[in-house]
Amino acid sequence: MASRKMETNWEEVFSRPLLERERCLLTELIQALHDKEINTNMEDRLIWIHDTAGNFSVKHLSSLLVQTNADCVEFKFDRLWKIKVPPKVRYFIWLVSIDRIPSKEFLIKRGVVISEELRGCPWCGLGIEFSFHLLFACRFAASFWQVIFS
């Protein structure tokens, strides 16, 4: 069996800076693969190790995500998909839960250049715009929620 160990500079592999959750998952992957050997004499094939036939299914993946105790997966996905709301609302909640709302902070982490004077919240102008601020901490958002729930 031919094996080859390679050191990889992961910062050069990805086209954008990784988010914290992605760094966590990458660290777990690197640890899982650390002692594995590559057999270059065998053709590659994709298999899903969580299925006896090696077949992948989204339903099975969702089940595994819900059952895991990993620090990187904290959101209760099973609850989200059962909520009786329009699909667009479910999708938005999912984006919020995985911190993928395209706020200015998120875009900056992705490498988008935004000038200092445009980084603030468009509603209150205080602090850098990020998901939690936009949805809950901003004075405008807080007053919006107060009107909605009163």
N, C-alpha and C. Protein backbone atom coordinates (compact mmCIF):
# COMPACT_ATOMS: atom_id res chain seq x y z
N MET A 1 0.85 -1.18 0.00
CA MET A 1 0.00 0.00 0.00
C MET A 1 0.89 1.24 0.00
N ALA A 2 0.70 2.09 -0.98
CA ALA A 2 1.48 3.32 -1.04
C ALA A 2 0.76 4.38 -0.22
N SER A 3 1.51 5.05 0.62
CA SER A 3 0.88 6.10 1.42
C SER A 3 1.71 7.37 1.31
N ARG A 4 1.04 8.46 1.54
CA ARG A 4 1.69 9.75 1.40
C ARG A 4 1.08 10.72 2.40
N LYS A 5 1.91 11.31 3.23
CA LYS A 5 1.45 12.32 4.18
C LYS A 5 1.80 13.69 3.62
N MET A 6 0.81 14.57 3.59
CA MET A 6 1.04 15.91 3.04
C MET A 6 0.59 16.94 4.06
N GLU A 7 1.37 17.99 4.22
CA GLU A 7 0.98 19.11 5.05
C GLU A 7 0.31 20.14 4.14
N THR A 8 -0.83 20.64 4.56
CA THR A 8 -1.59 21.58 3.74
C THR A 8 -1.78 22.88 4.50
N ASN A 9 -1.54 23.99 3.81
CA ASN A 9 -1.84 25.30 4.37
C ASN A 9 -3.28 25.61 3.97
N TRP A 10 -4.21 25.40 4.89
CA TRP A 10 -5.63 25.52 4.58
C TRP A 10 -6.04 26.94 4.23
N GLU A 11 -5.30 27.94 4.69
CA GLU A 11 -5.64 29.33 4.35
C GLU A 11 -5.51 29.55 2.84
N GLU A 12 -4.63 28.81 2.18
CA GLU A 12 -4.44 28.96 0.73
C GLU A 12 -5.43 28.13 -0.08
N VAL A 13 -6.04 27.13 0.53
CA VAL A 13 -6.94 26.23 -0.18
C VAL A 13 -8.30 26.87 -0.43
N PHE A 14 -8.82 27.59 0.57
CA PHE A 14 -10.15 28.17 0.45
C PHE A 14 -10.09 29.55 -0.17
N SER A 15 -11.12 29.88 -0.94
CA SER A 15 -11.14 31.15 -1.66
C SER A 15 -11.58 32.33 -0.79
N ARG A 16 -11.99 32.06 0.43
CA ARG A 16 -12.41 33.10 1.35
C ARG A 16 -12.03 32.68 2.76
N PRO A 17 -11.97 33.64 3.67
CA PRO A 17 -11.68 33.27 5.07
C PRO A 17 -12.80 32.40 5.63
N LEU A 18 -12.44 31.39 6.40
CA LEU A 18 -13.43 30.50 6.99
C LEU A 18 -14.11 31.17 8.19
N LEU A 19 -15.39 30.87 8.35
CA LEU A 19 -16.13 31.32 9.51
C LEU A 19 -15.75 30.43 10.70
N GLU A 20 -16.04 30.87 11.90
CA GLU A 20 -15.64 30.13 13.11
C GLU A 20 -16.19 28.70 13.09
N ARG A 21 -17.44 28.54 12.73
CA ARG A 21 -18.06 27.21 12.68
C ARG A 21 -17.35 26.33 11.66
N GLU A 22 -16.96 26.91 10.52
CA GLU A 22 -16.26 26.15 9.49
C GLU A 22 -14.86 25.76 9.96
N ARG A 23 -14.19 26.66 10.69
CA ARG A 23 -12.87 26.32 11.24
C ARG A 23 -12.98 25.16 12.22
N CYS A 24 -14.03 25.17 13.02
CA CYS A 24 -14.26 24.09 13.97
C CYS A 24 -14.46 22.76 13.25
N LEU A 25 -15.28 22.77 12.21
CA LEU A 25 -15.51 21.55 11.44
C LEU A 25 -14.24 21.08 10.73
N LEU A 26 -13.45 22.02 10.20
CA LEU A 26 -12.20 21.67 9.55
C LEU A 26 -11.22 21.04 10.54
N THR A 27 -11.16 21.58 11.73
CA THR A 27 -10.28 21.01 12.77
C THR A 27 -10.69 19.58 13.09
N GLU A 28 -12.00 19.34 13.20
CA GLU A 28 -12.49 17.98 13.46
C GLU A 28 -12.12 17.05 12.32
N LEU A 29 -12.25 17.53 11.08
CA LEU A 29 -11.91 16.71 9.91
C LEU A 29 -10.43 16.37 9.90
N ILE A 30 -9.58 17.35 10.15
CA ILE A 30 -8.13 17.13 10.17
C ILE A 30 -7.77 16.11 11.25
N GLN A 31 -8.39 16.23 12.42
CA GLN A 31 -8.11 15.27 13.50
C GLN A 31 -8.56 13.87 13.12
N ALA A 32 -9.71 13.76 12.46
CA ALA A 32 -10.22 12.45 12.06
C ALA A 32 -9.34 11.80 10.99
N LEU A 33 -8.73 12.62 10.13
CA LEU A 33 -7.92 12.09 9.03
C LEU A 33 -6.43 11.99 9.36
N HIS A 34 -6.04 12.44 10.54
CA HIS A 34 -4.62 12.55 10.90
C HIS A 34 -3.83 11.25 10.69
N ASP A 35 -4.34 10.13 11.12
CA ASP A 35 -3.60 8.87 11.05
C ASP A 35 -4.02 7.98 9.88
N LYS A 36 -4.76 8.52 8.94
CA LYS A 36 -5.24 7.73 7.80
C LYS A 36 -4.17 7.69 6.71
N GLU A 37 -4.13 6.56 6.02
CA GLU A 37 -3.20 6.40 4.90
C GLU A 37 -3.98 6.39 3.60
N ILE A 38 -3.36 6.92 2.55
CA ILE A 38 -3.98 6.96 1.24
C ILE A 38 -3.41 5.83 0.40
N ASN A 39 -4.29 5.02 -0.17
CA ASN A 39 -3.88 3.94 -1.04
C ASN A 39 -4.01 4.42 -2.48
N THR A 40 -2.91 4.73 -3.11
CA THR A 40 -2.93 5.26 -4.48
C THR A 40 -3.14 4.18 -5.53
N ASN A 41 -3.15 2.90 -5.12
CA ASN A 41 -3.35 1.80 -6.07
C ASN A 41 -4.82 1.43 -6.23
N MET A 42 -5.71 2.12 -5.50
CA MET A 42 -7.13 1.81 -5.55
C MET A 42 -7.89 3.02 -6.07
N GLU A 43 -8.90 2.75 -6.91
CA GLU A 43 -9.72 3.84 -7.45
C GLU A 43 -10.61 4.42 -6.36
N ASP A 44 -10.74 5.74 -6.33
CA ASP A 44 -11.59 6.42 -5.36
C ASP A 44 -13.06 6.13 -5.64
N ARG A 45 -13.83 6.08 -4.58
CA ARG A 45 -15.29 5.98 -4.72
C ARG A 45 -15.92 6.62 -3.51
N LEU A 46 -17.09 7.17 -3.71
CA LEU A 46 -17.80 7.82 -2.62
C LEU A 46 -18.71 6.81 -1.93
N ILE A 47 -18.61 6.77 -0.60
CA ILE A 47 -19.51 5.92 0.18
C ILE A 47 -19.96 6.72 1.39
N TRP A 48 -21.14 6.39 1.88
CA TRP A 48 -21.69 7.00 3.08
C TRP A 48 -21.56 5.96 4.18
N ILE A 49 -20.63 6.20 5.12
CA ILE A 49 -20.31 5.19 6.12
C ILE A 49 -21.46 4.93 7.10
N HIS A 50 -22.44 5.81 7.12
CA HIS A 50 -23.56 5.64 8.05
C HIS A 50 -24.69 4.82 7.46
N ASP A 51 -24.45 4.22 6.29
CA ASP A 51 -25.45 3.39 5.63
C ASP A 51 -24.77 2.10 5.19
N THR A 52 -25.39 0.96 5.43
CA THR A 52 -24.75 -0.32 5.11
C THR A 52 -24.48 -0.46 3.62
N ALA A 53 -25.32 0.13 2.76
CA ALA A 53 -25.10 0.06 1.32
C ALA A 53 -24.18 1.18 0.83
N GLY A 54 -23.83 2.11 1.70
CA GLY A 54 -22.96 3.21 1.32
C GLY A 54 -23.67 4.35 0.63
N ASN A 55 -25.02 4.37 0.70
CA ASN A 55 -25.81 5.40 0.02
C ASN A 55 -26.13 6.55 0.97
N PHE A 56 -25.99 7.77 0.46
CA PHE A 56 -26.27 8.98 1.23
C PHE A 56 -27.74 9.34 1.13
N SER A 57 -28.33 9.83 2.24
CA SER A 57 -29.67 10.40 2.19
C SER A 57 -29.72 11.61 3.12
N VAL A 58 -30.42 12.65 2.69
CA VAL A 58 -30.56 13.86 3.49
C VAL A 58 -31.30 13.54 4.79
N LYS A 59 -32.29 12.67 4.71
CA LYS A 59 -33.05 12.30 5.90
C LYS A 59 -32.13 11.68 6.95
N HIS A 60 -31.26 10.80 6.52
CA HIS A 60 -30.33 10.15 7.46
C HIS A 60 -29.33 11.17 8.01
N LEU A 61 -28.85 12.07 7.17
CA LEU A 61 -27.93 13.11 7.62
C LEU A 61 -28.60 13.99 8.67
N SER A 62 -29.83 14.41 8.42
CA SER A 62 -30.56 15.25 9.38
C SER A 62 -30.70 14.52 10.71
N SER A 63 -31.00 13.26 10.65
CA SER A 63 -31.12 12.45 11.86
C SER A 63 -29.80 12.42 12.63
N LEU A 64 -28.70 12.26 11.93
CA LEU A 64 -27.39 12.25 12.58
C LEU A 64 -27.07 13.60 13.20
N LEU A 65 -27.39 14.69 12.51
CA LEU A 65 -27.12 16.02 13.03
C LEU A 65 -27.91 16.30 14.31
N VAL A 66 -29.13 15.83 14.35
CA VAL A 66 -29.97 16.04 15.51
C VAL A 66 -29.46 15.23 16.70
N GLN A 67 -28.93 14.04 16.45
CA GLN A 67 -28.47 13.15 17.51
C GLN A 67 -27.09 13.50 18.05
N THR A 68 -26.28 14.21 17.29
CA THR A 68 -24.89 14.46 17.67
C THR A 68 -24.78 15.38 18.88
N ASN A 69 -23.71 15.25 19.62
CA ASN A 69 -23.44 16.15 20.75
C ASN A 69 -22.27 17.06 20.45
N ALA A 70 -21.88 17.18 19.18
CA ALA A 70 -20.72 17.98 18.80
C ALA A 70 -20.94 19.45 19.14
N ASP A 71 -19.88 20.13 19.57
CA ASP A 71 -19.97 21.55 19.90
C ASP A 71 -20.31 22.40 18.69
N CYS A 72 -19.91 21.94 17.50
CA CYS A 72 -20.12 22.73 16.29
C CYS A 72 -21.58 22.71 15.84
N VAL A 73 -22.34 21.74 16.26
CA VAL A 73 -23.73 21.64 15.83
C VAL A 73 -24.61 21.80 17.07
N GLU A 74 -25.06 23.02 17.31
CA GLU A 74 -25.84 23.31 18.50
C GLU A 74 -27.32 23.51 18.19
N PHE A 75 -27.65 23.80 16.95
CA PHE A 75 -29.02 24.14 16.59
C PHE A 75 -29.86 22.88 16.45
N LYS A 76 -31.10 22.94 16.94
CA LYS A 76 -32.02 21.80 16.88
C LYS A 76 -32.75 21.81 15.53
N PHE A 77 -32.10 21.24 14.51
CA PHE A 77 -32.64 21.26 13.16
C PHE A 77 -34.01 20.60 13.07
N ASP A 78 -34.23 19.53 13.83
CA ASP A 78 -35.50 18.83 13.74
C ASP A 78 -36.67 19.74 14.12
N ARG A 79 -36.47 20.61 15.09
CA ARG A 79 -37.53 21.53 15.50
C ARG A 79 -37.82 22.56 14.41
N LEU A 80 -36.80 23.05 13.77
CA LEU A 80 -36.96 24.07 12.74
C LEU A 80 -37.85 23.58 11.61
N TRP A 81 -37.59 22.39 11.11
CA TRP A 81 -38.31 21.92 9.93
C TRP A 81 -39.74 21.52 10.24
N LYS A 82 -40.10 21.43 11.53
CA LYS A 82 -41.47 21.08 11.92
C LYS A 82 -42.33 22.31 12.22
N ILE A 83 -41.74 23.49 12.26
CA ILE A 83 -42.49 24.71 12.58
C ILE A 83 -43.53 24.97 11.48
N LYS A 84 -44.73 25.30 11.91
CA LYS A 84 -45.83 25.55 10.96
C LYS A 84 -45.80 27.01 10.50
N VAL A 85 -44.84 27.32 9.64
CA VAL A 85 -44.71 28.66 9.05
C VAL A 85 -44.38 28.48 7.57
N PRO A 86 -44.53 29.53 6.77
CA PRO A 86 -44.19 29.42 5.36
C PRO A 86 -42.71 29.02 5.17
N PRO A 87 -42.40 28.31 4.09
CA PRO A 87 -41.02 27.87 3.85
C PRO A 87 -40.00 29.00 3.87
N LYS A 88 -40.37 30.18 3.38
CA LYS A 88 -39.44 31.32 3.39
C LYS A 88 -39.05 31.70 4.81
N VAL A 89 -40.00 31.63 5.73
CA VAL A 89 -39.74 31.97 7.12
C VAL A 89 -38.82 30.91 7.74
N ARG A 90 -39.11 29.64 7.46
CA ARG A 90 -38.25 28.55 7.94
C ARG A 90 -36.82 28.72 7.44
N TYR A 91 -36.69 29.06 6.17
CA TYR A 91 -35.37 29.26 5.57
C TYR A 91 -34.64 30.43 6.24
N PHE A 92 -35.35 31.52 6.50
CA PHE A 92 -34.74 32.67 7.16
C PHE A 92 -34.28 32.31 8.57
N ILE A 93 -35.11 31.58 9.32
CA ILE A 93 -34.72 31.14 10.66
C ILE A 93 -33.47 30.27 10.58
N TRP A 94 -33.42 29.40 9.60
CA TRP A 94 -32.25 28.54 9.41
C TRP A 94 -31.01 29.39 9.14
N LEU A 95 -31.12 30.39 8.26
CA LEU A 95 -29.97 31.27 7.97
C LEU A 95 -29.51 31.99 9.24
N VAL A 96 -30.44 32.46 10.05
CA VAL A 96 -30.08 33.12 11.31
C VAL A 96 -29.37 32.13 12.23
N SER A 97 -29.88 30.92 12.31
CA SER A 97 -29.33 29.92 13.24
C SER A 97 -27.91 29.51 12.88
N ILE A 98 -27.56 29.54 11.62
CA ILE A 98 -26.20 29.17 11.21
C ILE A 98 -25.35 30.40 10.89
N ASP A 99 -25.83 31.57 11.29
CA ASP A 99 -25.12 32.85 11.11
C ASP A 99 -24.73 33.11 9.66
N ARG A 100 -25.71 33.01 8.76
CA ARG A 100 -25.46 33.25 7.34
C ARG A 100 -26.27 34.42 6.77
N ILE A 101 -26.85 35.24 7.65
CA ILE A 101 -27.54 36.45 7.19
C ILE A 101 -26.46 37.36 6.61
N PRO A 102 -26.65 37.87 5.40
CA PRO A 102 -25.60 38.69 4.78
C PRO A 102 -25.49 40.09 5.38
N SER A 103 -25.18 40.13 6.66
CA SER A 103 -24.95 41.41 7.34
C SER A 103 -23.58 41.94 6.90
N LYS A 104 -23.30 43.17 7.25
CA LYS A 104 -22.00 43.75 6.89
C LYS A 104 -20.86 42.98 7.54
N GLU A 105 -21.03 42.58 8.80
CA GLU A 105 -20.00 41.79 9.48
C GLU A 105 -19.74 40.48 8.73
N PHE A 106 -20.81 39.80 8.32
CA PHE A 106 -20.69 38.54 7.58
C PHE A 106 -19.96 38.77 6.25
N LEU A 107 -20.35 39.82 5.53
CA LEU A 107 -19.72 40.11 4.24
C LEU A 107 -18.23 40.43 4.40
N ILE A 108 -17.89 41.16 5.45
CA ILE A 108 -16.48 41.49 5.72
C ILE A 108 -15.68 40.21 5.98
N LYS A 109 -16.27 39.28 6.77
CA LYS A 109 -15.60 38.00 7.03
C LYS A 109 -15.39 37.22 5.73
N ARG A 110 -16.26 37.43 4.76
CA ARG A 110 -16.16 36.76 3.47
C ARG A 110 -15.23 37.47 2.51
N GLY A 111 -14.64 38.57 2.95
CA GLY A 111 -13.66 39.27 2.12
C GLY A 111 -14.19 40.46 1.35
N VAL A 112 -15.45 40.83 1.57
CA VAL A 112 -16.02 42.01 0.91
C VAL A 112 -15.48 43.26 1.61
N VAL A 113 -15.00 44.20 0.82
CA VAL A 113 -14.44 45.43 1.38
C VAL A 113 -15.58 46.44 1.56
N ILE A 114 -15.77 46.85 2.81
CA ILE A 114 -16.79 47.86 3.15
C ILE A 114 -16.09 48.94 3.96
N SER A 115 -16.23 50.17 3.53
CA SER A 115 -15.54 51.26 4.22
C SER A 115 -16.05 51.41 5.66
N GLU A 116 -15.20 51.94 6.51
CA GLU A 116 -15.52 52.10 7.94
C GLU A 116 -16.83 52.84 8.17
N GLU A 117 -17.04 53.93 7.41
CA GLU A 117 -18.24 54.74 7.64
C GLU A 117 -19.53 54.04 7.21
N LEU A 118 -19.45 52.96 6.42
CA LEU A 118 -20.64 52.25 5.98
C LEU A 118 -20.88 50.93 6.73
N ARG A 119 -20.05 50.63 7.72
CA ARG A 119 -20.16 49.35 8.44
C ARG A 119 -21.23 49.35 9.53
N GLY A 120 -21.71 50.49 9.92
CA GLY A 120 -22.66 50.57 11.02
C GLY A 120 -24.06 50.11 10.65
N CYS A 121 -24.87 49.96 11.66
CA CYS A 121 -26.27 49.57 11.50
C CYS A 121 -27.01 50.64 10.70
N PRO A 122 -27.77 50.27 9.68
CA PRO A 122 -28.50 51.27 8.88
C PRO A 122 -29.66 51.91 9.64
N TRP A 123 -30.13 51.29 10.73
CA TRP A 123 -31.27 51.80 11.47
C TRP A 123 -30.88 52.73 12.60
N CYS A 124 -29.89 52.34 13.38
CA CYS A 124 -29.53 53.16 14.54
C CYS A 124 -28.14 53.78 14.42
N GLY A 125 -27.32 53.27 13.51
CA GLY A 125 -25.98 53.81 13.30
C GLY A 125 -24.97 53.45 14.37
N LEU A 126 -25.37 52.64 15.34
CA LEU A 126 -24.48 52.28 16.43
C LEU A 126 -23.82 50.93 16.16
N GLY A 127 -22.52 50.88 16.27
CA GLY A 127 -21.79 49.62 16.13
C GLY A 127 -21.86 49.02 14.74
N ILE A 128 -21.07 47.98 14.55
CA ILE A 128 -21.04 47.29 13.25
C ILE A 128 -22.31 46.46 13.09
N GLU A 129 -22.79 46.40 11.86
CA GLU A 129 -24.01 45.64 11.58
C GLU A 129 -23.70 44.14 11.60
N PHE A 130 -24.36 43.40 12.50
CA PHE A 130 -24.26 41.93 12.51
C PHE A 130 -25.65 41.38 12.81
N SER A 131 -25.86 40.11 12.56
CA SER A 131 -27.20 39.52 12.61
C SER A 131 -27.93 39.77 13.92
N PHE A 132 -27.30 39.46 15.04
CA PHE A 132 -27.99 39.61 16.32
C PHE A 132 -28.39 41.07 16.55
N HIS A 133 -27.51 41.99 16.22
CA HIS A 133 -27.83 43.41 16.39
C HIS A 133 -29.03 43.79 15.53
N LEU A 134 -28.98 43.40 14.25
CA LEU A 134 -30.07 43.76 13.33
C LEU A 134 -31.42 43.23 13.78
N LEU A 135 -31.42 42.02 14.33
CA LEU A 135 -32.68 41.38 14.66
C LEU A 135 -33.17 41.65 16.09
N PHE A 136 -32.25 41.93 17.02
CA PHE A 136 -32.66 42.03 18.42
C PHE A 136 -32.09 43.22 19.18
N ALA A 137 -30.81 43.51 19.04
CA ALA A 137 -30.15 44.51 19.88
C ALA A 137 -30.36 45.95 19.42
N CYS A 138 -30.58 46.16 18.16
CA CYS A 138 -30.78 47.50 17.62
C CYS A 138 -32.04 48.13 18.25
N ARG A 139 -31.95 49.43 18.54
CA ARG A 139 -33.11 50.12 19.13
C ARG A 139 -34.32 50.03 18.21
N PHE A 140 -34.11 50.15 16.91
CA PHE A 140 -35.20 50.04 15.95
C PHE A 140 -35.82 48.64 16.01
N ALA A 141 -34.97 47.61 16.01
CA ALA A 141 -35.47 46.23 16.07
C ALA A 141 -36.23 45.97 17.36
N ALA A 142 -35.69 46.48 18.48
CA ALA A 142 -36.34 46.28 19.77
C ALA A 142 -37.73 46.92 19.77
N SER A 143 -37.84 48.14 19.24
CA SER A 143 -39.15 48.79 19.20
C SER A 143 -40.09 48.07 18.23
N PHE A 144 -39.55 47.54 17.14
CA PHE A 144 -40.34 46.76 16.18
C PHE A 144 -40.94 45.54 16.88
N TRP A 145 -40.12 44.77 17.60
CA TRP A 145 -40.60 43.58 18.28
C TRP A 145 -41.60 43.94 19.38
N GLN A 146 -41.39 45.06 20.01
CA GLN A 146 -42.32 45.49 21.06
C GLN A 146 -43.70 45.75 20.46
N VAL A 147 -43.74 46.41 19.31
CA VAL A 147 -45.02 46.67 18.63
C VAL A 147 -45.66 45.35 18.19
N ILE A 148 -44.86 44.45 17.64
CA ILE A 148 -45.39 43.17 17.14
C ILE A 148 -46.01 42.34 18.26
N PHE A 149 -45.33 42.29 19.42
CA PHE A 149 -45.76 41.41 20.49
C PHE A 149 -46.63 42.09 21.55
N SER A 150 -47.00 43.35 21.35
CA SER A 150 -47.86 44.01 22.33
C SER A 150 -49.30 44.02 21.87
